[in-house]
């Protein structure tokens, strides 16, 4: 089984220690027959704390997902919250998982009420919007997505790799305990990177209340593994009736070409079409 993990940024050199830690974090989670390729975007503004910036970036995440399917991957993981999940599921025929949806659905199996602890106000707004669109609001606490204040920075993110217990975990633990006091029985870490680094450091429960704190990234890649198994072994995939039915690829490619995402002439030649 070949899985493609798509990040929402380029491979930013300043965060190289994080990228290596992310790859190592899933090494022992999957079966021996499962391979994961971590992919970064060729083009990205490397900024997600803006609805507008996200909408632009999501186009390139979708393009990376289309490329992964064309290369024969069995499943795709959108490796960030605020992702183009519905759009990518529509145009792909292989299973598509997201860090957000898969981790929140898993939280429902572990407690009656859940919450998400994330990194910034803008990120919290986007996650809450997704949470509502997934139909999960009834199982979440009031103000279901809460964020660090002061907000996360790249410097703090790098500390989660090198020295998580001094500042990072105490700050997330305080936020998680706030969620627990509001009724959360399960808390999802609403950042792909922090989620993996906190679990890597051994932080999986709040310090006082003992509430479970989930690594969204680990759960998502395991869920994708299961989704591919379900597709391959049982034949169950996305519905081709309704909103996720795969659109006419020729029309989609015309749109991609019109926006400069692909070269229509090169595409036609590669597919043996007459031009």
Foldseek 3Di string as FASTA:
>chain_A
DEEEEEELAACPVVCVLLVVLLVVLQPPLDDPVYDYDYDYFPDAPPDDLDLVSLVVSQVRVLVVLVVCVVVPGQEYEHQAQLHPQLVSLQADFHYYFYLLPQVVVVLVVVDQEEAEEEFDPSLLVSSVVVCVVVVNPVRYFVSRYHYFVVGDDVVLLVCLSVPCPPPPVVRSLVVVVVRVVRPHQEYEYRTQRSLSSCVVVVDQARDPPRRGYHNSNNSRVVVSVVRSCCCPVVVDTDDLPPSRNHDDVVVVVVVCCVVVNDPVVVVCVVVVHDD
